[in-house]
Protein backbone atom coordinates (compact mmCIF):
# COMPACT_ATOMS: atom_id res chain seq x y z
CA UNK A 1 21.99 -24.04 -73.68
CA UNK A 2 25.47 -25.57 -73.13
CA UNK A 3 26.83 -22.19 -72.00
CA UNK A 4 24.09 -21.89 -69.34
CA UNK A 5 24.76 -25.43 -68.09
CA UNK A 6 28.51 -24.70 -67.80
CA UNK A 7 27.73 -21.53 -65.80
CA UNK A 8 25.52 -23.43 -63.32
CA UNK A 9 28.24 -26.02 -62.75
CA UNK A 10 30.78 -23.31 -61.99
CA UNK A 11 28.36 -21.64 -59.52
CA UNK A 12 27.67 -24.92 -57.73
CA UNK A 13 31.38 -25.44 -57.19
CA UNK A 14 32.15 -21.94 -55.92
CA UNK A 15 29.08 -21.36 -53.77
CA UNK A 16 27.86 -23.49 -50.86
CA UNK A 17 24.78 -23.38 -48.63
CA UNK A 18 25.34 -23.25 -44.87
CA UNK A 19 22.53 -23.78 -42.37
CA UNK A 20 23.11 -22.70 -38.76
CA UNK A 21 20.00 -23.41 -36.68
CA UNK A 22 17.19 -21.73 -38.59
CA UNK A 23 19.64 -19.39 -40.35
CA UNK A 24 20.53 -20.09 -44.02
CA UNK A 25 23.47 -18.13 -45.43
CA UNK A 26 24.97 -18.47 -48.93
CA UNK A 27 28.74 -18.61 -48.41
CA UNK A 28 31.83 -18.78 -50.51
CA UNK A 29 33.51 -22.19 -50.24
CA UNK A 30 36.79 -20.28 -50.11
CA UNK A 31 35.82 -18.98 -46.61
CA UNK A 32 38.17 -16.20 -45.49
CA UNK A 33 37.69 -15.12 -41.84
CA UNK A 34 40.92 -13.82 -40.29
CA UNK A 35 39.32 -12.90 -36.91
CA UNK A 36 37.47 -16.21 -36.56
CA UNK A 37 34.11 -14.62 -35.67
CA UNK A 38 32.20 -16.73 -38.20
CA UNK A 39 31.66 -13.90 -40.66
CA UNK A 40 33.80 -14.01 -43.81
CA UNK A 41 35.78 -10.98 -44.88
CA UNK A 42 33.60 -10.24 -47.91
CA UNK A 43 30.48 -10.21 -45.72
CA UNK A 44 32.13 -8.03 -43.07
CA UNK A 45 33.01 -5.53 -45.77
CA UNK A 46 29.38 -5.54 -46.89
CA UNK A 47 28.25 -5.11 -43.28
CA UNK A 48 30.76 -2.34 -42.60
CA UNK A 49 32.45 -4.26 -39.77
CA UNK A 50 36.16 -4.90 -39.23
CA UNK A 51 37.21 -8.36 -40.51
CA UNK A 52 40.19 -8.28 -38.15
CA UNK A 53 38.24 -7.43 -34.98
CA UNK A 54 36.75 -10.63 -33.52
CA UNK A 55 34.22 -8.80 -31.38
CA UNK A 56 32.99 -6.54 -34.17
CA UNK A 57 30.55 -8.29 -36.48
CA UNK A 58 26.93 -8.42 -37.53
CA UNK A 59 25.37 -11.31 -35.62
CA UNK A 60 22.87 -11.86 -38.44
CA UNK A 61 25.78 -12.64 -40.75
CA UNK A 62 27.54 -15.00 -38.34
CA UNK A 63 27.78 -18.76 -38.95
CA UNK A 64 28.49 -20.27 -35.55
CA UNK A 65 29.85 -23.50 -36.99
CA UNK A 66 32.52 -21.45 -38.82
CA UNK A 67 33.74 -19.64 -35.68
CA UNK A 68 37.24 -20.55 -34.58
CA UNK A 69 38.14 -22.19 -31.28
CA UNK A 70 40.10 -19.08 -30.36
CA UNK A 71 37.00 -16.92 -30.92
CA UNK A 72 34.84 -19.24 -28.85
CA UNK A 73 37.30 -18.94 -25.99
CA UNK A 74 37.18 -15.15 -26.12
CA UNK A 75 34.86 -13.14 -23.87
CA UNK A 76 33.76 -10.19 -25.97
CA UNK A 77 31.58 -8.51 -23.33
CA UNK A 78 33.86 -9.20 -20.36
CA UNK A 79 31.12 -10.85 -18.29
CA UNK A 80 33.21 -13.90 -17.43
CA UNK A 81 31.40 -16.24 -19.82
CA UNK A 82 33.20 -17.18 -23.06
CA UNK A 83 31.59 -16.45 -26.40
CA UNK A 84 31.23 -20.16 -27.13
CA UNK A 85 29.52 -20.85 -23.80
CA UNK A 86 27.12 -17.98 -24.34
CA UNK A 87 26.03 -19.18 -27.81
CA UNK A 88 26.35 -22.93 -27.25
CA UNK A 89 25.70 -23.60 -23.56
CA UNK A 90 25.57 -27.39 -23.89
CA UNK A 91 28.64 -27.56 -26.14
CA UNK A 92 27.10 -29.65 -28.92
CA UNK A 93 28.45 -27.41 -31.66
CA UNK A 94 25.13 -25.74 -32.46
CA UNK A 95 23.40 -22.61 -31.18
CA UNK A 96 21.41 -22.90 -27.98
CA UNK A 97 19.48 -23.91 -26.10
CA UNK A 98 19.05 -20.88 -23.81
CA UNK A 99 21.83 -19.00 -25.49
CA UNK A 100 22.82 -15.53 -24.35
CA UNK A 101 24.35 -12.59 -26.16
CA UNK A 102 28.20 -12.66 -26.14
CA UNK A 103 28.30 -8.92 -26.74
CA UNK A 104 25.83 -7.87 -24.04
CA UNK A 105 27.52 -7.51 -20.66
CA UNK A 106 24.26 -7.98 -18.76
CA UNK A 107 23.01 -11.00 -20.70
CA UNK A 108 24.65 -14.16 -19.39
CA UNK A 109 24.00 -17.28 -17.32
CA UNK A 110 25.53 -16.79 -13.81
CA UNK A 111 26.12 -20.56 -13.57
CA UNK A 112 28.60 -20.32 -16.46
CA UNK A 113 30.44 -17.27 -15.16
CA UNK A 114 34.07 -17.27 -14.00
CA UNK A 115 34.15 -14.08 -11.94
CA UNK A 116 37.94 -14.00 -11.79
CA UNK A 117 38.20 -13.28 -15.54
CA UNK A 118 35.52 -10.58 -15.69
CA UNK A 119 36.89 -7.27 -16.91
CA UNK A 120 37.26 -4.08 -14.89
CA UNK A 121 34.74 -2.46 -17.23
CA UNK A 122 32.16 -5.17 -16.54
CA UNK A 123 32.65 -4.90 -12.79
CA UNK A 124 31.89 -1.18 -12.97
CA UNK A 125 28.58 -1.75 -14.78
CA UNK A 126 25.31 -1.84 -12.78
CA UNK A 127 23.24 -4.46 -14.60
CA UNK A 128 20.12 -4.30 -12.41
CA UNK A 129 20.09 -0.54 -11.83
CA UNK A 130 20.15 -0.69 -8.02
CA UNK A 131 23.12 1.63 -7.63
CA UNK A 132 25.57 -1.16 -6.78
CA UNK A 133 28.03 -2.05 -9.55
CA UNK A 134 28.39 -5.70 -10.57
CA UNK A 135 31.79 -6.11 -8.98
CA UNK A 136 30.59 -4.93 -5.59
CA UNK A 137 27.51 -7.13 -5.80
CA UNK A 138 29.45 -10.35 -6.44
CA UNK A 139 32.64 -9.50 -4.58
CA UNK A 140 31.79 -7.14 -1.71
CA UNK A 141 34.98 -7.97 0.19
CA UNK A 142 37.17 -7.32 -2.86
CA UNK A 143 39.10 -10.59 -2.84
CA UNK A 144 38.61 -11.13 -6.60
CA UNK A 145 36.35 -14.11 -5.96
CA UNK A 146 32.62 -14.77 -5.95
CA UNK A 147 32.39 -16.36 -2.50
CA UNK A 148 28.57 -16.38 -2.45
CA UNK A 149 28.70 -13.64 0.18
CA UNK A 150 27.45 -11.00 -2.23
CA UNK A 151 24.16 -10.06 -3.86
CA UNK A 152 22.47 -10.74 -7.19
CA UNK A 153 23.49 -8.30 -9.96
CA UNK A 154 20.25 -9.16 -11.78
CA UNK A 155 17.92 -8.39 -8.83
CA UNK A 156 17.62 -4.73 -7.94
CA UNK A 157 16.04 -5.59 -4.60
CA UNK A 158 18.99 -7.78 -3.60
CA UNK A 159 21.67 -5.33 -2.59
CA UNK A 160 23.62 -3.77 0.25
CA UNK A 161 22.55 -0.14 0.59
CA UNK A 162 26.00 0.73 1.93
CA UNK A 163 27.52 -0.44 -1.38
CA UNK A 164 25.55 1.99 -3.56
CA UNK A 165 28.17 4.06 -5.39
CA UNK A 166 26.35 5.02 -8.61
CA UNK A 167 22.96 6.55 -9.25
CA UNK A 168 20.22 3.89 -9.31
CA UNK A 169 17.82 3.59 -12.22
CA UNK A 170 15.01 6.17 -11.65
CA UNK A 171 12.50 3.31 -11.64
CA UNK A 172 14.32 1.75 -8.68
CA UNK A 173 13.15 4.65 -6.50
CA UNK A 174 9.53 3.84 -7.43
CA UNK A 175 9.97 0.16 -6.46
CA UNK A 176 8.96 -1.12 -3.01
CA UNK A 177 11.65 -3.72 -2.37
CA UNK A 178 10.57 -4.72 1.13
CA UNK A 179 6.82 -4.69 0.47
CA UNK A 180 5.98 -2.19 3.20
CA UNK A 181 3.91 0.12 0.95
CA UNK A 182 6.69 2.71 1.04
CA UNK A 183 8.71 3.18 -2.15
CA UNK A 184 12.48 2.89 -2.03
CA UNK A 185 12.67 6.61 -2.76
CA UNK A 186 10.38 7.48 0.13
CA UNK A 187 12.40 5.33 2.49
CA UNK A 188 15.69 6.87 1.36
CA UNK A 189 14.24 10.37 1.90
CA UNK A 190 12.90 9.38 5.33
CA UNK A 191 16.16 7.65 6.28
CA UNK A 192 14.59 4.23 6.76
CA UNK A 193 15.71 0.90 5.34
CA UNK A 194 14.08 0.08 1.97
CA UNK A 195 15.07 -3.56 2.47
CA UNK A 196 13.47 -4.01 5.91
CA UNK A 197 9.68 -4.30 5.86
CA UNK A 198 9.47 -3.45 9.57
CA UNK A 199 11.53 -0.26 9.27
CA UNK A 200 9.53 2.61 7.81
CA UNK A 201 8.37 6.05 8.86
CA UNK A 202 5.46 5.73 11.24
CA UNK A 203 6.03 2.15 12.40
CA UNK A 204 5.30 1.30 16.02
CA UNK A 205 2.70 0.06 18.48
CA UNK A 206 0.81 3.20 19.46
CA UNK A 207 -1.35 5.36 17.21
CA UNK A 208 0.00 8.84 16.53
CA UNK A 209 -1.77 10.17 13.43
CA UNK A 210 -4.34 9.17 10.81
CA UNK A 211 -4.29 10.95 7.46
CA UNK A 212 -7.05 10.91 4.88
CA UNK A 213 -5.41 11.41 1.47
CA UNK A 214 -6.94 12.68 -1.77
CA UNK A 215 -5.75 11.65 -5.22
CA UNK A 216 -2.89 14.18 -5.38
CA UNK A 217 -1.37 12.73 -2.18
CA UNK A 218 -2.36 15.79 -0.14
CA UNK A 219 -3.84 14.98 3.29
CA UNK A 220 -7.19 16.74 3.47
CA UNK A 221 -7.70 15.65 7.09
CA UNK A 222 -5.13 14.78 9.74
CA UNK A 223 -6.21 13.28 13.06
CA UNK A 224 -3.74 13.41 15.96
CA UNK A 225 -3.45 11.18 19.03
CA UNK A 226 -1.23 11.08 22.10
CA UNK A 227 -0.85 9.31 25.45
CA UNK A 228 0.26 6.10 23.68
CA UNK A 229 -2.62 6.36 21.27
CA UNK A 230 -5.34 6.48 23.94
CA UNK A 231 -6.33 10.13 23.45
CA UNK A 232 -7.76 11.75 20.37
CA UNK A 233 -6.43 15.31 20.59
CA UNK A 234 -7.19 17.24 17.37
CA UNK A 235 -8.09 17.31 13.70
CA UNK A 236 -6.59 19.72 11.16
CA UNK A 237 -7.37 20.33 7.49
CA UNK A 238 -4.94 20.54 4.57
CA UNK A 239 -4.21 24.21 5.27
CA UNK A 240 -3.25 23.44 8.86
CA UNK A 241 -6.40 24.95 10.38
CA UNK A 242 -7.58 23.15 13.52
CA UNK A 243 -11.07 21.74 13.00
CA UNK A 244 -11.45 20.04 16.36
CA UNK A 245 -9.50 20.17 19.60
CA UNK A 246 -9.81 17.77 22.56
CA UNK A 247 -8.70 18.50 26.14
CA UNK A 248 -8.34 16.04 29.04
CA UNK A 249 -7.87 16.31 32.79
CA UNK A 250 -5.07 14.69 34.78
CA UNK A 251 -7.17 11.53 35.11
CA UNK A 252 -7.35 11.27 31.31
CA UNK A 253 -11.05 12.21 31.23
CA UNK A 254 -12.23 14.27 28.25
CA UNK A 255 -13.29 17.66 29.60
CA UNK A 256 -13.64 19.85 26.49
CA UNK A 257 -14.12 19.54 22.74
CA UNK A 258 -13.96 22.55 20.46
CA UNK A 259 -15.11 22.28 16.84
CA UNK A 260 -14.31 25.01 14.33
CA UNK A 261 -15.84 24.62 10.91
CA UNK A 262 -16.92 27.11 8.28
CA UNK A 263 -20.57 26.22 8.89
CA UNK A 264 -20.50 24.94 12.46
CA UNK A 265 -18.78 25.98 15.68
CA UNK A 266 -19.27 24.47 19.09
CA UNK A 267 -17.68 23.98 22.49
CA UNK A 268 -18.70 20.96 24.55
CA UNK A 269 -17.59 20.64 28.17
CA UNK A 270 -17.94 17.63 30.51
CA UNK A 271 -18.19 17.59 34.29
CA UNK A 272 -17.39 14.49 36.31
CA UNK A 273 -18.01 13.15 39.77
CA UNK A 274 -16.06 10.11 40.86
CA UNK A 275 -14.85 9.62 37.29
CA UNK A 276 -18.43 9.53 35.95
CA UNK A 277 -19.95 12.17 33.66
CA UNK A 278 -22.67 14.16 35.45
CA UNK A 279 -23.22 17.11 33.11
CA UNK A 280 -22.55 18.04 29.50
CA UNK A 281 -22.72 21.65 28.31
CA UNK A 282 -22.93 22.33 24.58
CA UNK A 283 -22.47 25.81 23.12
CA UNK A 284 -23.33 25.72 19.42
CA UNK A 285 -22.90 29.08 17.72
CA UNK A 286 -23.94 30.83 20.95
CA UNK A 287 -26.87 28.53 21.76
CA UNK A 288 -26.20 26.80 25.07
CA UNK A 289 -27.67 23.42 26.04
CA UNK A 290 -27.05 21.72 29.38
CA UNK A 291 -27.50 17.95 29.56
CA UNK A 292 -27.92 16.23 32.93
CA UNK A 293 -26.44 12.72 32.95
CA UNK A 294 -27.52 9.93 35.34
CA UNK A 295 -25.83 6.51 35.60
CA UNK A 296 -28.32 3.90 36.86
CA UNK A 297 -26.98 0.35 36.94
CA UNK A 298 -26.12 -0.44 33.31
CA UNK A 299 -27.97 2.49 31.77
CA UNK A 300 -27.07 6.12 31.16
CA UNK A 301 -30.04 8.48 31.00
CA UNK A 302 -29.89 12.13 29.93
CA UNK A 303 -32.30 15.07 30.18
CA UNK A 304 -31.94 18.59 28.79
CA UNK A 305 -35.50 19.87 29.03
CA UNK A 306 -36.27 19.35 25.35
CA UNK A 307 -37.61 15.79 25.74
CA UNK A 308 -41.33 14.88 25.92
CA UNK A 309 -42.89 14.98 29.37
CA UNK A 310 -42.04 11.91 31.37
CA UNK A 311 -39.38 10.74 28.86
CA UNK A 312 -35.62 11.14 28.42
CA UNK A 313 -33.43 12.92 25.93
CA UNK A 314 -31.32 9.79 25.42
CA UNK A 315 -30.87 6.43 27.06
CA UNK A 316 -27.80 4.24 26.64
CA UNK A 317 -27.94 0.59 27.73
CA UNK A 318 -24.63 -1.22 28.32
CA UNK A 319 -23.89 -4.92 28.41
CA UNK A 320 -23.41 -5.73 32.14
CA UNK A 321 -20.24 -7.78 31.54
CA UNK A 322 -18.44 -6.12 28.59
CA UNK A 323 -19.82 -2.60 29.15
CA UNK A 324 -20.41 -2.15 25.43
CA UNK A 325 -23.43 -0.24 24.15
CA UNK A 326 -26.26 -2.60 23.22
CA UNK A 327 -29.11 -0.11 22.86
CA UNK A 328 -29.17 3.63 22.19
CA UNK A 329 -32.55 5.39 22.39
CA UNK A 330 -33.46 9.04 22.01
CA UNK A 331 -36.41 11.42 21.59
CA UNK A 332 -36.25 14.52 19.45
CA UNK A 333 -38.64 16.87 17.70
CA UNK A 334 -38.92 17.84 14.03
CA UNK A 335 -41.45 20.61 13.57
CA UNK A 336 -44.44 19.61 15.65
CA UNK A 337 -43.71 15.89 15.41
CA UNK A 338 -41.94 13.85 18.08
CA UNK A 339 -39.72 11.02 16.94
CA UNK A 340 -38.30 8.07 18.80
CA UNK A 341 -34.97 6.68 17.58
CA UNK A 342 -33.88 3.17 18.62
CA UNK A 343 -30.46 1.73 17.71
CA UNK A 344 -29.71 -1.93 18.49
CA UNK A 345 -25.98 -2.83 18.50
CA UNK A 346 -24.98 -6.41 17.70
CA UNK A 347 -21.50 -7.80 18.42
CA UNK A 348 -19.67 -11.06 17.94
CA UNK A 349 -19.64 -13.68 20.70
CA UNK A 350 -16.89 -12.00 22.74
CA UNK A 351 -18.08 -8.43 22.12
CA UNK A 352 -14.80 -7.66 20.36
CA UNK A 353 -16.31 -6.57 17.07
CA UNK A 354 -19.39 -4.61 16.16
CA UNK A 355 -21.37 -6.48 13.53
CA UNK A 356 -24.42 -4.33 12.90
CA UNK A 357 -26.53 -1.40 14.02
CA UNK A 358 -30.25 -1.65 13.34
CA UNK A 359 -32.10 1.64 13.59
CA UNK A 360 -35.83 2.07 13.88
CA UNK A 361 -37.48 5.50 13.92
CA UNK A 362 -41.05 5.77 15.07
CA UNK A 363 -43.46 8.59 15.74
CA UNK A 364 -44.44 9.37 19.36
CA UNK A 365 -47.59 11.01 20.69
CA UNK A 366 -46.77 12.61 24.08
CA UNK A 367 -50.48 13.02 24.90
CA UNK A 368 -51.31 9.31 24.58
CA UNK A 369 -47.72 8.10 25.17
CA UNK A 370 -48.15 5.82 22.16
CA UNK A 371 -45.69 4.98 19.36
CA UNK A 372 -46.72 4.71 15.72
CA UNK A 373 -45.22 4.01 12.29
CA UNK A 374 -44.40 7.16 10.41
CA UNK A 375 -45.98 5.71 7.27
CA UNK A 376 -46.82 2.31 5.84
CA UNK A 377 -43.37 1.97 4.27
CA UNK A 378 -41.60 2.87 7.52
CA UNK A 379 -39.14 4.73 5.30
CA UNK A 380 -36.86 5.97 8.06
CA UNK A 381 -35.75 2.53 9.25
CA UNK A 382 -32.03 1.95 8.68
CA UNK A 383 -29.43 -0.79 8.98
CA UNK A 384 -25.66 -0.49 9.22
CA UNK A 385 -23.78 -3.74 8.74
CA UNK A 386 -20.04 -4.31 9.13
CA UNK A 387 -17.43 -6.83 8.15
CA UNK A 388 -14.20 -7.25 10.08
CA UNK A 389 -10.80 -8.84 9.57
CA UNK A 390 -7.92 -9.90 11.78
CA UNK A 391 -6.35 -6.50 11.10
CA UNK A 392 -6.49 -4.60 14.38
CA UNK A 393 -8.29 -1.29 14.79
CA UNK A 394 -5.58 1.34 15.39
CA UNK A 395 -7.97 3.80 17.06
CA UNK A 396 -9.53 1.30 19.46
CA UNK A 397 -8.02 2.76 22.65
CA UNK A 398 -8.67 6.40 21.76
CA UNK A 399 -12.25 5.81 20.65
CA UNK A 400 -13.11 3.69 23.68
CA UNK A 401 -11.76 6.52 25.80
CA UNK A 402 -14.34 9.02 24.50
CA UNK A 403 -17.08 6.68 23.33
CA UNK A 404 -19.70 7.66 25.92
CA UNK A 405 -18.82 11.33 25.41
CA UNK A 406 -19.40 10.85 21.70
CA UNK A 407 -22.78 9.19 22.20
CA UNK A 408 -23.85 12.02 24.49
CA UNK A 409 -22.94 14.53 21.77
CA UNK A 410 -22.27 13.02 18.34
CA UNK A 411 -21.12 16.40 16.97
CA UNK A 412 -17.72 16.02 18.67
CA UNK A 413 -16.50 13.73 15.89
CA UNK A 414 -18.65 15.00 13.00
CA UNK A 415 -18.43 13.58 9.51
CA UNK A 416 -14.67 14.14 9.22
CA UNK A 417 -14.03 11.01 11.27
CA UNK A 418 -14.92 8.32 8.74
CA UNK A 419 -14.65 5.20 10.90
CA UNK A 420 -16.54 6.36 13.98
CA UNK A 421 -19.30 3.76 13.57
CA UNK A 422 -17.01 0.86 14.41
CA UNK A 423 -14.86 2.73 16.90
CA UNK A 424 -15.18 0.10 19.61
CA UNK A 425 -14.51 -2.91 17.38
CA UNK A 426 -11.24 -4.73 17.98
CA UNK A 427 -10.81 -5.39 14.25
CA UNK A 428 -10.27 -2.61 11.78
CA UNK A 429 -13.48 -1.91 9.90
CA UNK A 430 -13.20 -3.23 6.35
CA UNK A 431 -16.62 -2.13 5.18
CA UNK A 432 -19.99 -0.94 6.26
CA UNK A 433 -23.22 -0.63 4.38
CA UNK A 434 -26.09 1.68 5.14
CA UNK A 435 -29.57 0.82 3.97
CA UNK A 436 -33.10 1.98 4.61
CA UNK A 437 -36.39 1.46 2.90
CA UNK A 438 -35.73 4.44 0.66
CA UNK A 439 -31.97 4.67 0.14
CA UNK A 440 -28.79 2.69 0.56
CA UNK A 441 -25.05 2.99 0.03
CA UNK A 442 -21.82 1.19 0.82
CA UNK A 443 -18.50 2.40 2.08
CA UNK A 444 -15.78 -0.17 1.60
CA UNK A 445 -12.55 -0.21 3.56
CA UNK A 446 -9.44 -2.12 2.61
CA UNK A 447 -5.98 -2.63 4.04
CA UNK A 448 -3.01 -2.33 1.71
CA UNK A 449 -0.32 -2.95 4.31
CA UNK A 450 -0.14 -3.91 7.95
CA UNK A 451 2.71 -4.35 10.40
CA UNK A 452 3.74 -7.67 11.91
CA UNK A 453 1.64 -6.68 14.93
CA UNK A 454 -1.44 -6.60 12.62
CA UNK A 455 -1.88 -2.84 12.91
CA UNK A 456 -2.63 -1.34 9.47
CA UNK A 457 -0.55 1.58 8.25
CA UNK A 458 -1.92 2.04 4.75
CA UNK A 459 -5.58 1.52 3.98
CA UNK A 460 -8.33 3.06 1.89
CA UNK A 461 -12.04 3.68 1.89
CA UNK A 462 -14.22 4.04 -1.15
CA UNK A 463 -17.75 4.57 -2.35
CA UNK A 464 -19.19 4.42 -5.83
CA UNK A 465 -18.04 8.01 -6.36
CA UNK A 466 -14.54 8.21 -4.89
CA UNK A 467 -11.69 6.46 -3.13
CA UNK A 468 -9.41 7.96 -0.51
CA UNK A 469 -6.19 6.62 0.94
CA UNK A 470 -5.73 6.32 4.70
CA UNK A 471 -2.19 6.65 6.08
CA UNK A 472 -1.76 5.60 9.70
CA UNK A 473 1.32 6.66 11.63
CA UNK A 474 2.50 5.07 14.87
CA UNK A 475 5.20 5.72 17.43
C-alpha cells in the first residue's frame, strides 16, 4: 500500500493536466517544445511531425497557451494573418471566437490581413475558383498594396474577367454570376459578359426567334421573325425542316402561308384591295377552298359556299375603338348536323390583355333557322381563361400583324404555336386553362428571366404531363 501511494505522488509531480478551450491534454511538466508550436517534442514524435518545424504539427495535439510569442507572430499559410491572430482573434490568450485555420491559405478573416506580408505562393492561389489568383484580385495594379480597388478573393462572382490567368473551378462555368439565366460558361462561349445581366446572346428590343426546348436542351420547334419583330416568317423542326413559311408583300401584308407537315400540307394565299383582305384561297392536300371576305363597318363576314343557306361561314366582330376581336362566330357541318360556334372575347379595361374566351356550340336547323342545345349537358361548351403579368408579350407585333389572317384560317399557325390564344395581349401569357362540361386542362406559363425592358427571354410552359423551356431571342 505504501509503495502504491509513493508511485501516485511521483506521477502527480511529473504529470500535469492542461485545458485549452474544450481540449484536455495530459502534458509533461517538463514541457520541451523547441519550435514553439504548442506541441511538445515527445508528442510530435508520437504524431510523426517535426519538433523543429513550427508549421508542422498535429493541431489536435496543440496547446495554444503553450505556443511561443515567436510562433504566434509567424504566418504559416502566408495569407497575411499571423498564426496568433488566426487562432485568437480577440487576443485574450484563448482560442476563438471565430478562429480560422493558420495552415489553410484560404481560411482567414480579411479584416485581419496585412496584404504586404502575404507570400508569393499565396498570391498565386485562387481561393474562390474564379480564375483570378488572390494577388490579382486584391492588388490588380500591382503596387503591393490592397487599395480597395480590387475584387473579393472569396467571391467567385466578384472578379475582372480580363484578370483571369488560371483555369476556373469547373463549377464556376455552371454558375450564373449576373443572374441573366445564362451560365458563365455559356456567356464565355458566346463572347458575352458573364458579369453584365444586360449583355447576353439574344438581348435586344425586337423579336427574332422563339425556341421550344425539350429536356435534353434540343429545340424541337424554332419560330423565326423579321422586320423588327413584326413579321412571323417561318417555323422549323429540330432537323431543320421547314414546317411553315410566311410571305409578305411590299406593304407588309401577309400574302401566302405554306404548311408542310407529315400529316398535313396546305398553301393559303390572301388577296387585298386597298390594304383589306378580299379573298382567301386554301389548298389543303389538293382540295381548294375559296373564301370571299367582306368588311362591313366593324364586322368581317366570310362565305365559301359551305355555309347554311342565308348564313355565313364566319363572322368576326371588332371593337369600334380598339379594333380587337370581341366576337367570333362560325357555322360548320359534322356529318348531317350543322353546328354554330360562338366565341366571346373579354379584355381588360384598356383592351391591352385578353382575359378569357367563352365558347358556346349549339346545333342549328337550316330548315327552321332555329338553334338548339346539343344535349341537356351542353357538353361542347368551353371556356379559356388567362392570367397576365407585367412581362411584355414578345410576339405582340407579329401576331397582331397576321391576326385576322389567322382567324380566317386557323391552320396557318397550327398546334406548334403554343401561345396563339393570347397573341394580341400586351402582357406575356402566364397561364391559360381550358374547361368544358366534359373535360378540362391547364397550361401554365412562367417567366424565368426578363430584360430590363420587361421582355422575357427565358420562360416555360407546362401541363400535368410535361414541361418545356421557351428561349426567346431578340436583336
